[in-house]
C-alpha cells in the first residue's frame, strides 16, 4: 500500500456511504470504503498502474450495472 492510500484509509476506511435512487445508467447503491475484497489482486493493480503510469491501490469493491 502506498502512503496516499494508507493515509486515505486511516481517515475514511470503513466509512459506509448510504446512497440510493435512480442514476443515469444504473441506480445509486450504498458502498463501503473497504479494500479487503480485493486482497490477492496485487498483480492486477500493479499491471493497471504500470499501464497508466500511476500507483494504484483498491479502496472498495465496485458493483457494475448491466443493461
PDB file of N, CA and C in Angstrom:
ATOM      1  N   UNK A   1       0.862  -1.172   0.000  1.00  0.00           N
ATOM      2  CA  UNK A   1       0.000   0.000   0.000  1.00  0.00           C
ATOM      3  C   UNK A   1       0.906   1.232   0.000  1.00  0.00           C
ATOM      4  N   UNK A   2       0.628   2.172  -0.884  1.00  0.00           N
ATOM      5  CA  UNK A   2       1.443   3.382  -0.896  1.00  0.00           C
ATOM      6  C   UNK A   2       0.912   4.388   0.128  1.00  0.00           C
ATOM      7  N   UNK A   3       1.720   5.407   0.423  1.00  0.00           N
ATOM      8  CA  UNK A   3       1.417   6.347   1.511  1.00  0.00           C
ATOM      9  C   UNK A   3       0.066   7.046   1.360  1.00  0.00           C
ATOM     10  N   UNK A   4      -0.287   7.454   0.137  1.00  0.00           N
ATOM     11  CA  UNK A   4      -1.556   8.169  -0.063  1.00  0.00           C
ATOM     12  C   UNK A   4      -2.748   7.263   0.247  1.00  0.00           C
ATOM     13  N   UNK A   5      -2.689   6.007  -0.190  1.00  0.00           N
ATOM     14  CA  UNK A   5      -3.773   5.064   0.089  1.00  0.00           C
ATOM     15  C   UNK A   5      -3.876   4.791   1.586  1.00  0.00           C
ATOM     16  N   UNK A   6      -2.728   4.635   2.234  1.00  0.00           N
ATOM     17  CA  UNK A   6      -2.742   4.380   3.672  1.00  0.00           C
ATOM     18  C   UNK A   6      -3.341   5.552   4.447  1.00  0.00           C
ATOM     19  N   UNK A   7      -2.957   6.776   4.084  1.00  0.00           N
ATOM     20  CA  UNK A   7      -3.498   7.966   4.755  1.00  0.00           C
ATOM     21  C   UNK A   7      -5.004   8.070   4.525  1.00  0.00           C
ATOM     22  N   UNK A   8      -5.448   7.810   3.295  1.00  0.00           N
ATOM     23  CA  UNK A   8      -6.873   7.874   2.979  1.00  0.00           C
ATOM     24  C   UNK A   8      -7.655   6.851   3.798  1.00  0.00           C
ATOM     25  N   UNK A   9      -7.149   5.610   3.833  1.00  0.00           N
ATOM     26  CA  UNK A   9      -7.867   4.555   4.559  1.00  0.00           C
ATOM     27  C   UNK A   9      -7.833   4.761   6.062  1.00  0.00           C
ATOM     28  N   UNK A  10      -6.771   5.366   6.594  1.00  0.00           N
ATOM     29  CA  UNK A  10      -6.748   5.661   8.029  1.00  0.00           C
ATOM     30  C   UNK A  10      -7.850   6.649   8.384  1.00  0.00           C
ATOM     31  N   UNK A  11      -8.131   7.567   7.477  1.00  0.00           N
ATOM     32  CA  UNK A  11      -9.164   8.566   7.765  1.00  0.00           C
ATOM     33  C   UNK A  11     -10.564   8.096   7.388  1.00  0.00           C
ATOM     34  N   UNK A  12     -10.687   7.400   6.260  1.00  0.00           N
ATOM     35  CA  UNK A  12     -12.017   7.073   5.742  1.00  0.00           C
ATOM     36  C   UNK A  12     -12.326   5.580   5.663  1.00  0.00           C
ATOM     37  N   UNK A  13     -11.368   4.702   5.959  1.00  0.00           N
ATOM     38  CA  UNK A  13     -11.605   3.262   5.867  1.00  0.00           C
ATOM     39  C   UNK A  13     -12.763   2.829   6.744  1.00  0.00           C
ATOM     40  N   UNK A  14     -13.631   1.996   6.208  1.00  0.00           N
ATOM     41  CA  UNK A  14     -14.798   1.524   6.940  1.00  0.00           C
ATOM     42  C   UNK A  14     -16.012   2.416   6.802  1.00  0.00           C
ATOM     43  N   UNK A  15     -15.836   3.584   6.201  1.00  0.00           N
ATOM     44  CA  UNK A  15     -16.961   4.508   6.013  1.00  0.00           C
ATOM     45  C   UNK A  15     -17.969   3.895   5.047  1.00  0.00           C
ATOM     46  N   UNK A  16     -19.234   3.898   5.425  1.00  0.00           N
ATOM     47  CA  UNK A  16     -20.306   3.433   4.556  1.00  0.00           C
ATOM     48  C   UNK A  16     -21.057   4.641   4.032  1.00  0.00           C
ATOM     49  N   UNK A  17     -21.241   4.672   2.729  1.00  0.00           N
ATOM     50  CA  UNK A  17     -21.970   5.764   2.079  1.00  0.00           C
ATOM     51  C   UNK A  17     -23.325   5.203   1.662  1.00  0.00           C
ATOM     52  N   UNK A  18     -24.379   5.686   2.311  1.00  0.00           N
ATOM     53  CA  UNK A  18     -25.736   5.203   2.042  1.00  0.00           C
ATOM     54  C   UNK A  18     -26.414   6.113   1.029  1.00  0.00           C
ATOM     55  N   UNK A  19     -26.273   5.759  -0.225  1.00  0.00           N
ATOM     56  CA  UNK A  19     -26.935   6.497  -1.297  1.00  0.00           C
ATOM     57  C   UNK A  19     -27.923   5.560  -1.971  1.00  0.00           C
ATOM     58  N   UNK A  20     -28.945   6.117  -2.534  1.00  0.00           N
ATOM     59  CA  UNK A  20     -29.910   5.317  -3.289  1.00  0.00           C
ATOM     60  C   UNK A  20     -30.645   6.229  -4.247  1.00  0.00           C
ATOM     61  N   UNK A  21     -31.360   5.634  -5.153  1.00  0.00           N
ATOM     62  CA  UNK A  21     -32.144   6.404  -6.110  1.00  0.00           C
ATOM     63  C   UNK A  21     -31.696   6.132  -7.529  1.00  0.00           C
ATOM     64  N   UNK A  22     -32.419   6.703  -8.473  1.00  0.00           N
ATOM     65  CA  UNK A  22     -32.101   6.452  -9.875  1.00  0.00           C
ATOM     66  C   UNK A  22     -30.786   7.123 -10.276  1.00  0.00           C
ATOM     67  N   UNK A  23     -30.149   6.563 -11.245  1.00  0.00           N
ATOM     68  CA  UNK A  23     -28.937   7.134 -11.824  1.00  0.00           C
ATOM     69  C   UNK A  23     -29.109   7.249 -13.322  1.00  0.00           C
ATOM     70  N   UNK A  24     -28.042   7.518 -14.028  1.00  0.00           N
ATOM     71  CA  UNK A  24     -28.132   7.653 -15.486  1.00  0.00           C
ATOM     72  C   UNK A  24     -28.217   6.291 -16.152  1.00  0.00           C
ATOM     73  N   UNK A  25     -27.272   5.387 -15.822  1.00  0.00           N
ATOM     74  CA  UNK A  25     -27.289   4.068 -16.454  1.00  0.00           C
ATOM     75  C   UNK A  25     -27.620   2.944 -15.473  1.00  0.00           C
ATOM     76  N   UNK A  26     -27.571   3.222 -14.167  1.00  0.00           N
ATOM     77  CA  UNK A  26     -27.975   2.256 -13.146  1.00  0.00           C
ATOM     78  C   UNK A  26     -28.251   3.012 -11.850  1.00  0.00           C
ATOM     79  N   UNK A  27     -28.947   2.367 -10.952  1.00  0.00           N
ATOM     80  CA  UNK A  27     -29.332   3.019  -9.696  1.00  0.00           C
ATOM     81  C   UNK A  27     -28.121   3.243  -8.797  1.00  0.00           C
ATOM     82  N   UNK A  28     -28.185   4.290  -7.982  1.00  0.00           N
ATOM     83  CA  UNK A  28     -27.168   4.530  -6.966  1.00  0.00           C
ATOM     84  C   UNK A  28     -27.331   3.480  -5.875  1.00  0.00           C
ATOM     85  N   UNK A  29     -26.232   2.916  -5.411  1.00  0.00           N
ATOM     86  CA  UNK A  29     -26.296   1.899  -4.367  1.00  0.00           C
ATOM     87  C   UNK A  29     -25.296   2.224  -3.258  1.00  0.00           C
ATOM     88  N   UNK A  30     -25.600   1.840  -2.019  1.00  0.00           N
ATOM     89  CA  UNK A  30     -24.678   2.084  -0.905  1.00  0.00           C
ATOM     90  C   UNK A  30     -23.349   1.362  -1.130  1.00  0.00           C
ATOM     91  N   UNK A  31     -22.269   1.891  -0.549  1.00  0.00           N
ATOM     92  CA  UNK A  31     -20.976   1.226  -0.623  1.00  0.00           C
ATOM     93  C   UNK A  31     -20.154   1.533   0.624  1.00  0.00           C
ATOM     94  N   UNK A  32     -19.148   0.684   0.863  1.00  0.00           N
ATOM     95  CA  UNK A  32     -18.248   0.854   1.995  1.00  0.00           C
ATOM     96  C   UNK A  32     -16.821   0.977   1.472  1.00  0.00           C
ATOM     97  N   UNK A  33     -16.056   1.885   2.051  1.00  0.00           N
ATOM     98  CA  UNK A  33     -14.642   2.016   1.697  1.00  0.00           C
ATOM     99  C   UNK A  33     -13.877   0.936   2.453  1.00  0.00           C
ATOM    100  N   UNK A  34     -13.609  -0.171   1.759  1.00  0.00           N
ATOM    101  CA  UNK A  34     -13.003  -1.350   2.356  1.00  0.00           C
ATOM    102  C   UNK A  34     -12.238  -2.094   1.267  1.00  0.00           C
ATOM    103  N   UNK A  35     -10.899  -2.132   1.316  1.00  0.00           N
ATOM    104  CA  UNK A  35     -10.132  -2.798   0.277  1.00  0.00           C
ATOM    105  C   UNK A  35     -10.050  -4.320   0.414  1.00  0.00           C
ATOM    106  N   UNK A  36     -10.550  -4.890   1.504  1.00  0.00           N
ATOM    107  CA  UNK A  36     -10.395  -6.329   1.736  1.00  0.00           C
ATOM    108  C   UNK A  36     -10.886  -7.219   0.595  1.00  0.00           C
ATOM    109  N   UNK A  37     -12.024  -6.923  -0.070  1.00  0.00           N
ATOM    110  CA  UNK A  37     -12.454  -7.814  -1.154  1.00  0.00           C
ATOM    111  C   UNK A  37     -11.445  -7.928  -2.304  1.00  0.00           C
ATOM    112  N   UNK A  38     -10.519  -6.972  -2.417  1.00  0.00           N
ATOM    113  CA  UNK A  38      -9.530  -7.006  -3.497  1.00  0.00           C
ATOM    114  C   UNK A  38      -8.199  -7.627  -3.066  1.00  0.00           C
ATOM    115  N   UNK A  39      -8.100  -8.115  -1.829  1.00  0.00           N
ATOM    116  CA  UNK A  39      -6.847  -8.733  -1.389  1.00  0.00           C
ATOM    117  C   UNK A  39      -6.525  -9.902  -2.302  1.00  0.00           C
ATOM    118  N   UNK A  40      -5.276 -10.041  -2.657  1.00  0.00           N
ATOM    119  CA  UNK A  40      -4.845 -11.093  -3.573  1.00  0.00           C
ATOM    120  C   UNK A  40      -4.813 -10.641  -5.017  1.00  0.00           C
ATOM    121  N   UNK A  41      -5.224  -9.422  -5.282  1.00  0.00           N
ATOM    122  CA  UNK A  41      -5.256  -8.878  -6.643  1.00  0.00           C
ATOM    123  C   UNK A  41      -4.110  -7.896  -6.884  1.00  0.00           C
ATOM    124  N   UNK A  42      -3.044  -7.978  -6.064  1.00  0.00           N
ATOM    125  CA  UNK A  42      -1.941  -7.032  -6.162  1.00  0.00           C
ATOM    126  C   UNK A  42      -1.361  -6.942  -7.572  1.00  0.00           C
ATOM    127  N   UNK A  43      -1.166  -8.095  -8.195  1.00  0.00           N
ATOM    128  CA  UNK A  43      -0.592  -8.126  -9.542  1.00  0.00           C
ATOM    129  C   UNK A  43      -1.435  -7.366 -10.544  1.00  0.00           C
ATOM    130  N   UNK A  44      -2.747  -7.512 -10.426  1.00  0.00           N
ATOM    131  CA  UNK A  44      -3.655  -6.820 -11.353  1.00  0.00           C
ATOM    132  C   UNK A  44      -3.549  -5.307 -11.185  1.00  0.00           C
ATOM    133  N   UNK A  45      -3.509  -4.825  -9.946  1.00  0.00           N
ATOM    134  CA  UNK A  45      -3.417  -3.383  -9.720  1.00  0.00           C
ATOM    135  C   UNK A  45      -2.056  -2.837 -10.122  1.00  0.00           C
ATOM    136  N   UNK A  46      -0.986  -3.623  -9.912  1.00  0.00           N
ATOM    137  CA  UNK A  46       0.340  -3.192 -10.362  1.00  0.00           C
ATOM    138  C   UNK A  46       0.371  -3.068 -11.880  1.00  0.00           C
ATOM    139  N   UNK A  47      -0.220  -4.040 -12.564  1.00  0.00           N
ATOM    140  CA  UNK A  47      -0.251  -4.032 -14.030  1.00  0.00           C
ATOM    141  C   UNK A  47      -1.049  -2.840 -14.554  1.00  0.00           C
ATOM    142  N   UNK A  48      -2.224  -2.612 -13.989  1.00  0.00           N
ATOM    143  CA  UNK A  48      -3.030  -1.460 -14.415  1.00  0.00           C
ATOM    144  C   UNK A  48      -2.277  -0.157 -14.153  1.00  0.00           C
ATOM    145  N   UNK A  49      -1.628  -0.068 -12.984  1.00  0.00           N
ATOM    146  CA  UNK A  49      -0.874   1.128 -12.637  1.00  0.00           C
ATOM    147  C   UNK A  49       0.268   1.390 -13.609  1.00  0.00           C
ATOM    148  N   UNK A  50       0.980   0.328 -14.000  1.00  0.00           N
ATOM    149  CA  UNK A  50       2.052   0.483 -14.978  1.00  0.00           C
ATOM    150  C   UNK A  50       1.504   0.970 -16.310  1.00  0.00           C
ATOM    151  N   UNK A  51       0.338   0.478 -16.694  1.00  0.00           N
ATOM    152  CA  UNK A  51      -0.275   0.874 -17.957  1.00  0.00           C
ATOM    153  C   UNK A  51      -0.588   2.366 -17.988  1.00  0.00           C
ATOM    154  N   UNK A  52      -1.060   2.914 -16.858  1.00  0.00           N
ATOM    155  CA  UNK A  52      -1.434   4.334 -16.831  1.00  0.00           C
ATOM    156  C   UNK A  52      -0.377   5.229 -16.192  1.00  0.00           C
ATOM    157  N   UNK A  53       0.725   4.632 -15.727  1.00  0.00           N
ATOM    158  CA  UNK A  53       1.799   5.421 -15.135  1.00  0.00           C
ATOM    159  C   UNK A  53       1.490   5.968 -13.754  1.00  0.00           C
ATOM    160  N   UNK A  54       0.670   5.243 -12.984  1.00  0.00           N
ATOM    161  CA  UNK A  54       0.296   5.653 -11.621  1.00  0.00           C
ATOM    162  C   UNK A  54       0.338   4.443 -10.696  1.00  0.00           C
ATOM    163  N   UNK A  55       0.538   4.697  -9.403  1.00  0.00           N
ATOM    164  CA  UNK A  55       0.456   3.627  -8.410  1.00  0.00           C
ATOM    165  C   UNK A  55      -0.993   3.517  -7.960  1.00  0.00           C
ATOM    166  N   UNK A  56      -1.560   2.332  -8.065  1.00  0.00           N
ATOM    167  CA  UNK A  56      -2.962   2.113  -7.708  1.00  0.00           C
ATOM    168  C   UNK A  56      -3.083   1.241  -6.466  1.00  0.00           C
ATOM    169  N   UNK A  57      -4.142   1.481  -5.727  1.00  0.00           N
ATOM    170  CA  UNK A  57      -4.478   0.643  -4.585  1.00  0.00           C
ATOM    171  C   UNK A  57      -5.998   0.642  -4.463  1.00  0.00           C
ATOM    172  N   UNK A  58      -6.627  -0.529  -4.329  1.00  0.00           N
ATOM    173  CA  UNK A  58      -8.091  -0.574  -4.253  1.00  0.00           C
ATOM    174  C   UNK A  58      -8.610   0.025  -2.948  1.00  0.00           C
ATOM    175  N   UNK A  59      -9.689   0.775  -3.047  1.00  0.00           N
ATOM    176  CA  UNK A  59     -10.316   1.369  -1.866  1.00  0.00           C
ATOM    177  C   UNK A  59     -11.656   0.723  -1.547  1.00  0.00           C
ATOM    178  N   UNK A  60     -12.251   0.100  -2.541  1.00  0.00           N
ATOM    179  CA  UNK A  60     -13.526  -0.569  -2.321  1.00  0.00           C
ATOM    180  C   UNK A  60     -13.815  -1.491  -3.478  1.00  0.00           C
ATOM    181  N   UNK A  61     -14.784  -2.365  -3.293  1.00  0.00           N
ATOM    182  CA  UNK A  61     -15.258  -3.234  -4.356  1.00  0.00           C
ATOM    183  C   UNK A  61     -16.357  -2.485  -5.104  1.00  0.00           C
ATOM    184  N   UNK A  62     -16.394  -2.659  -6.405  1.00  0.00           N
ATOM    185  CA  UNK A  62     -17.386  -1.935  -7.202  1.00  0.00           C
ATOM    186  C   UNK A  62     -18.316  -2.915  -7.889  1.00  0.00           C
ATOM    187  N   UNK A  63     -19.607  -2.683  -7.744  1.00  0.00           N
ATOM    188  CA  UNK A  63     -20.605  -3.463  -8.463  1.00  0.00           C
ATOM    189  C   UNK A  63     -20.893  -2.753  -9.774  1.00  0.00           C
ATOM    190  N   UNK A  64     -20.899  -3.503 -10.853  1.00  0.00           N
ATOM    191  CA  UNK A  64     -21.182  -2.920 -12.154  1.00  0.00           C
ATOM    192  C   UNK A  64     -22.613  -3.223 -12.549  1.00  0.00           C
ATOM    193  N   UNK A  65     -23.284  -2.249 -13.113  1.00  0.00           N
ATOM    194  CA  UNK A  65     -24.658  -2.450 -13.587  1.00  0.00           C
ATOM    195  C   UNK A  65     -24.614  -3.007 -15.005  1.00  0.00           C
ATOM    196  N   UNK A  66     -25.539  -3.830 -15.308  1.00  0.00           N
ATOM    197  CA  UNK A  66     -25.673  -4.359 -16.665  1.00  0.00           C
ATOM    198  C   UNK A  66     -27.042  -3.971 -17.185  1.00  0.00           C
ATOM    199  N   UNK A  67     -27.072  -3.567 -18.405  1.00  0.00           N
ATOM    200  CA  UNK A  67     -28.365  -3.193 -19.020  1.00  0.00           C
ATOM    201  C   UNK A  67     -29.092  -4.402 -19.508  1.00  0.00           C
TER     202      UNK A  67
END
